[in-house]
N, C-alpha and C. Protein backbone atom coordinates (compact mmCIF):
# COMPACT_ATOMS: atom_id res chain seq x y z
N UNK A 1 -4.70 -3.09 -6.91
CA UNK A 1 -6.03 -3.64 -7.01
C UNK A 1 -5.95 -5.14 -7.24
N UNK A 2 -7.02 -5.81 -6.94
CA UNK A 2 -7.13 -7.25 -7.15
C UNK A 2 -8.24 -7.47 -8.17
N UNK A 3 -7.94 -8.30 -9.18
CA UNK A 3 -8.87 -8.55 -10.27
C UNK A 3 -9.21 -10.03 -10.37
N UNK A 4 -10.45 -10.33 -10.69
CA UNK A 4 -10.84 -11.71 -10.97
C UNK A 4 -10.36 -12.07 -12.38
N UNK A 5 -10.38 -13.35 -12.67
CA UNK A 5 -9.99 -13.81 -14.00
C UNK A 5 -10.88 -13.20 -15.08
N UNK A 6 -12.16 -13.10 -14.79
CA UNK A 6 -13.10 -12.51 -15.75
C UNK A 6 -12.80 -11.03 -16.01
N UNK A 7 -12.45 -10.32 -14.96
CA UNK A 7 -12.12 -8.90 -15.11
C UNK A 7 -10.83 -8.74 -15.90
N UNK A 8 -9.85 -9.58 -15.64
CA UNK A 8 -8.58 -9.53 -16.38
C UNK A 8 -8.83 -9.81 -17.86
N UNK A 9 -9.71 -10.76 -18.14
CA UNK A 9 -10.06 -11.05 -19.53
C UNK A 9 -10.63 -9.81 -20.20
N UNK A 10 -11.53 -9.12 -19.51
CA UNK A 10 -12.15 -7.91 -20.06
C UNK A 10 -11.13 -6.80 -20.25
N UNK A 11 -10.24 -6.61 -19.28
CA UNK A 11 -9.26 -5.52 -19.34
C UNK A 11 -8.24 -5.75 -20.45
N UNK A 12 -7.75 -6.98 -20.56
CA UNK A 12 -6.64 -7.27 -21.48
C UNK A 12 -7.08 -7.77 -22.85
N UNK A 13 -8.34 -8.17 -22.97
CA UNK A 13 -8.85 -8.78 -24.21
C UNK A 13 -8.12 -10.08 -24.54
N UNK A 14 -7.67 -10.77 -23.49
CA UNK A 14 -7.05 -12.09 -23.62
C UNK A 14 -8.01 -13.09 -22.99
N UNK A 15 -8.27 -14.18 -23.68
CA UNK A 15 -9.25 -15.15 -23.18
C UNK A 15 -8.81 -15.75 -21.85
N UNK A 16 -9.79 -16.16 -21.06
CA UNK A 16 -9.50 -16.80 -19.77
C UNK A 16 -8.63 -18.03 -19.97
N UNK A 17 -8.91 -18.79 -21.00
CA UNK A 17 -8.14 -20.00 -21.27
C UNK A 17 -6.67 -19.67 -21.54
N UNK A 18 -6.44 -18.60 -22.28
CA UNK A 18 -5.06 -18.22 -22.60
C UNK A 18 -4.36 -17.67 -21.35
N UNK A 19 -5.08 -16.91 -20.53
CA UNK A 19 -4.50 -16.40 -19.28
C UNK A 19 -4.08 -17.56 -18.39
N UNK A 20 -4.94 -18.57 -18.28
CA UNK A 20 -4.61 -19.76 -17.48
C UNK A 20 -3.41 -20.48 -18.08
N UNK A 21 -3.34 -20.55 -19.40
CA UNK A 21 -2.18 -21.14 -20.08
C UNK A 21 -0.91 -20.41 -19.69
N UNK A 22 -0.95 -19.07 -19.75
CA UNK A 22 0.23 -18.28 -19.38
C UNK A 22 0.60 -18.50 -17.92
N UNK A 23 -0.39 -18.60 -17.06
CA UNK A 23 -0.15 -18.88 -15.64
C UNK A 23 0.52 -20.23 -15.47
N UNK A 24 -0.01 -21.26 -16.12
CA UNK A 24 0.55 -22.61 -15.98
C UNK A 24 1.96 -22.73 -16.53
N UNK A 25 2.31 -21.84 -17.46
CA UNK A 25 3.66 -21.87 -18.03
C UNK A 25 4.58 -20.81 -17.42
N UNK A 26 4.14 -20.22 -16.31
CA UNK A 26 5.00 -19.30 -15.57
C UNK A 26 5.18 -17.93 -16.18
N UNK A 27 4.32 -17.53 -17.09
CA UNK A 27 4.46 -16.22 -17.72
C UNK A 27 3.73 -15.11 -16.98
N UNK A 28 2.78 -15.48 -16.16
CA UNK A 28 2.03 -14.51 -15.35
C UNK A 28 1.73 -15.18 -14.01
N UNK A 29 1.78 -14.39 -12.95
CA UNK A 29 1.57 -14.95 -11.61
C UNK A 29 0.33 -14.38 -10.96
N UNK A 30 -0.57 -15.25 -10.55
CA UNK A 30 -1.73 -14.78 -9.79
C UNK A 30 -1.32 -14.46 -8.36
N UNK A 31 -2.17 -13.78 -7.65
CA UNK A 31 -1.90 -13.51 -6.24
C UNK A 31 -2.78 -14.46 -5.41
N UNK A 32 -2.35 -14.71 -4.21
CA UNK A 32 -3.13 -15.58 -3.34
C UNK A 32 -4.10 -14.75 -2.52
N UNK A 33 -5.33 -15.19 -2.50
CA UNK A 33 -6.36 -14.56 -1.69
C UNK A 33 -6.81 -15.62 -0.69
N UNK A 34 -6.61 -15.36 0.60
CA UNK A 34 -6.97 -16.37 1.61
C UNK A 34 -8.40 -16.87 1.45
N UNK A 35 -8.54 -18.16 1.60
CA UNK A 35 -9.84 -18.84 1.57
C UNK A 35 -10.54 -18.77 0.21
N UNK A 36 -9.82 -18.44 -0.83
CA UNK A 36 -10.39 -18.41 -2.18
C UNK A 36 -9.60 -19.38 -3.06
N UNK A 37 -10.30 -20.12 -3.90
CA UNK A 37 -9.62 -21.05 -4.79
C UNK A 37 -9.53 -20.54 -6.22
N UNK A 38 -10.25 -19.48 -6.54
CA UNK A 38 -10.20 -18.92 -7.88
C UNK A 38 -8.88 -18.20 -8.10
N UNK A 39 -8.59 -17.90 -9.35
CA UNK A 39 -7.40 -17.13 -9.67
C UNK A 39 -7.70 -15.64 -9.56
N UNK A 40 -6.80 -14.91 -8.91
CA UNK A 40 -6.90 -13.46 -8.80
C UNK A 40 -5.57 -12.87 -9.23
N UNK A 41 -5.63 -11.68 -9.81
CA UNK A 41 -4.44 -11.04 -10.35
C UNK A 41 -4.36 -9.60 -9.88
N UNK A 42 -3.13 -9.06 -9.93
CA UNK A 42 -2.92 -7.67 -9.53
C UNK A 42 -2.47 -6.86 -10.74
N UNK A 43 -2.11 -5.60 -10.49
CA UNK A 43 -1.70 -4.71 -11.58
C UNK A 43 -0.46 -5.21 -12.29
N UNK A 44 0.45 -5.85 -11.56
CA UNK A 44 1.66 -6.40 -12.18
C UNK A 44 1.30 -7.49 -13.19
N UNK A 45 0.33 -8.32 -12.86
CA UNK A 45 -0.11 -9.36 -13.79
C UNK A 45 -0.73 -8.73 -15.05
N UNK A 46 -1.51 -7.67 -14.86
CA UNK A 46 -2.09 -6.96 -16.00
C UNK A 46 -0.96 -6.45 -16.90
N UNK A 47 0.06 -5.88 -16.29
CA UNK A 47 1.22 -5.38 -17.03
C UNK A 47 1.89 -6.52 -17.81
N UNK A 48 2.10 -7.65 -17.15
CA UNK A 48 2.73 -8.81 -17.80
C UNK A 48 1.89 -9.29 -18.99
N UNK A 49 0.59 -9.37 -18.80
CA UNK A 49 -0.28 -9.84 -19.89
C UNK A 49 -0.29 -8.86 -21.06
N UNK A 50 -0.26 -7.58 -20.78
CA UNK A 50 -0.21 -6.59 -21.87
C UNK A 50 1.11 -6.68 -22.62
N UNK A 51 2.18 -6.95 -21.90
CA UNK A 51 3.49 -7.12 -22.53
C UNK A 51 3.46 -8.36 -23.44
N UNK A 52 2.88 -9.44 -22.95
CA UNK A 52 2.76 -10.66 -23.74
C UNK A 52 1.95 -10.38 -25.01
N UNK A 53 0.83 -9.69 -24.87
CA UNK A 53 -0.01 -9.37 -26.03
C UNK A 53 0.77 -8.52 -27.04
N UNK A 54 1.56 -7.57 -26.55
CA UNK A 54 2.38 -6.73 -27.43
C UNK A 54 3.39 -7.58 -28.18
N UNK A 55 4.10 -8.45 -27.47
CA UNK A 55 5.11 -9.29 -28.11
C UNK A 55 4.49 -10.19 -29.18
N UNK A 56 3.31 -10.71 -28.88
CA UNK A 56 2.63 -11.57 -29.86
C UNK A 56 2.20 -10.77 -31.09
N UNK A 57 1.60 -9.60 -30.87
CA UNK A 57 1.08 -8.84 -32.00
C UNK A 57 2.17 -8.18 -32.83
N UNK A 58 3.20 -7.68 -32.18
CA UNK A 58 4.25 -6.96 -32.89
C UNK A 58 5.31 -7.88 -33.51
N UNK A 59 5.61 -8.98 -32.84
CA UNK A 59 6.72 -9.82 -33.27
C UNK A 59 6.33 -11.26 -33.58
N UNK A 60 5.10 -11.64 -33.30
CA UNK A 60 4.66 -13.00 -33.59
C UNK A 60 5.45 -14.07 -32.87
N UNK A 61 5.92 -13.75 -31.68
CA UNK A 61 6.74 -14.68 -30.91
C UNK A 61 5.89 -15.87 -30.47
N UNK A 62 6.46 -17.08 -30.56
CA UNK A 62 5.74 -18.27 -30.11
C UNK A 62 5.86 -18.41 -28.59
N UNK A 63 5.24 -19.44 -28.04
CA UNK A 63 5.20 -19.61 -26.58
C UNK A 63 6.59 -19.78 -25.97
N UNK A 64 7.46 -20.53 -26.63
CA UNK A 64 8.83 -20.69 -26.12
C UNK A 64 9.56 -19.35 -26.14
N UNK A 65 9.39 -18.60 -27.20
CA UNK A 65 10.00 -17.28 -27.29
C UNK A 65 9.46 -16.34 -26.23
N UNK A 66 8.15 -16.45 -25.96
CA UNK A 66 7.55 -15.62 -24.91
C UNK A 66 8.20 -15.89 -23.57
N UNK A 67 8.43 -17.17 -23.27
CA UNK A 67 9.07 -17.52 -22.00
C UNK A 67 10.46 -16.91 -21.91
N UNK A 68 11.23 -17.04 -22.99
CA UNK A 68 12.60 -16.52 -22.99
C UNK A 68 12.62 -15.00 -22.86
N UNK A 69 11.82 -14.33 -23.67
CA UNK A 69 11.79 -12.86 -23.65
C UNK A 69 11.26 -12.35 -22.32
N UNK A 70 10.20 -12.97 -21.79
CA UNK A 70 9.64 -12.54 -20.51
C UNK A 70 10.65 -12.70 -19.39
N UNK A 71 11.39 -13.78 -19.43
CA UNK A 71 12.43 -14.01 -18.42
C UNK A 71 13.51 -12.93 -18.50
N UNK A 72 13.94 -12.61 -19.70
CA UNK A 72 14.96 -11.57 -19.88
C UNK A 72 14.45 -10.21 -19.45
N UNK A 73 13.22 -9.87 -19.80
CA UNK A 73 12.66 -8.58 -19.41
C UNK A 73 12.55 -8.49 -17.89
N UNK A 74 12.12 -9.56 -17.25
CA UNK A 74 12.02 -9.57 -15.79
C UNK A 74 13.39 -9.37 -15.15
N UNK A 75 14.38 -10.01 -15.70
CA UNK A 75 15.74 -9.86 -15.17
C UNK A 75 16.25 -8.43 -15.35
N UNK A 76 16.00 -7.83 -16.49
CA UNK A 76 16.40 -6.44 -16.73
C UNK A 76 15.70 -5.52 -15.73
N UNK A 77 14.41 -5.73 -15.51
CA UNK A 77 13.67 -4.89 -14.55
C UNK A 77 14.21 -5.07 -13.14
N UNK A 78 14.56 -6.31 -12.77
CA UNK A 78 15.13 -6.56 -11.45
C UNK A 78 16.47 -5.85 -11.30
N UNK A 79 17.30 -5.92 -12.33
CA UNK A 79 18.61 -5.26 -12.28
C UNK A 79 18.47 -3.74 -12.23
N UNK A 80 17.51 -3.20 -12.96
CA UNK A 80 17.28 -1.75 -12.91
C UNK A 80 16.87 -1.31 -11.51
N UNK A 81 16.01 -2.08 -10.88
CA UNK A 81 15.58 -1.76 -9.51
C UNK A 81 16.77 -1.83 -8.55
N UNK A 82 17.62 -2.81 -8.75
CA UNK A 82 18.81 -2.94 -7.90
C UNK A 82 19.75 -1.76 -8.08
N UNK A 83 19.94 -1.33 -9.32
CA UNK A 83 20.80 -0.17 -9.60
C UNK A 83 20.22 1.08 -8.97
N UNK A 84 18.89 1.28 -9.09
CA UNK A 84 18.24 2.45 -8.46
C UNK A 84 18.47 2.43 -6.94
N UNK A 85 18.29 1.25 -6.35
CA UNK A 85 18.49 1.14 -4.92
C UNK A 85 19.93 1.47 -4.53
N UNK A 86 20.88 0.95 -5.25
CA UNK A 86 22.28 1.19 -4.94
C UNK A 86 22.66 2.66 -5.14
N UNK A 87 22.09 3.31 -6.13
CA UNK A 87 22.36 4.73 -6.37
C UNK A 87 21.79 5.58 -5.22
N UNK A 88 20.62 5.22 -4.74
CA UNK A 88 19.99 5.96 -3.63
C UNK A 88 20.78 5.75 -2.34
N UNK A 89 21.27 4.56 -2.17
CA UNK A 89 22.00 4.19 -0.96
C UNK A 89 23.36 4.87 -0.87
N UNK A 90 24.01 4.95 -2.01
CA UNK A 90 25.40 5.41 -1.96
C UNK A 90 25.59 6.73 -2.53
């Protein structure tokens, strides 16, 4: 699905300003919608924002820590997908 910034704010309970902050700092990626200049997000972005909210609420991680942890989690997920692919292939 494709969500507007306002819808993402409602779904995640994260302010539009904070979502834009996370986008500008590379923590969440919007999707491109041809001929539209607004920000739009998909289910993966919703997942990323919920993960960020969890890390903030459970561990009180600051913005620098969020970047580091998010990067590590993304790398782990990428490696897991690669392992699944290699297991299916071979």
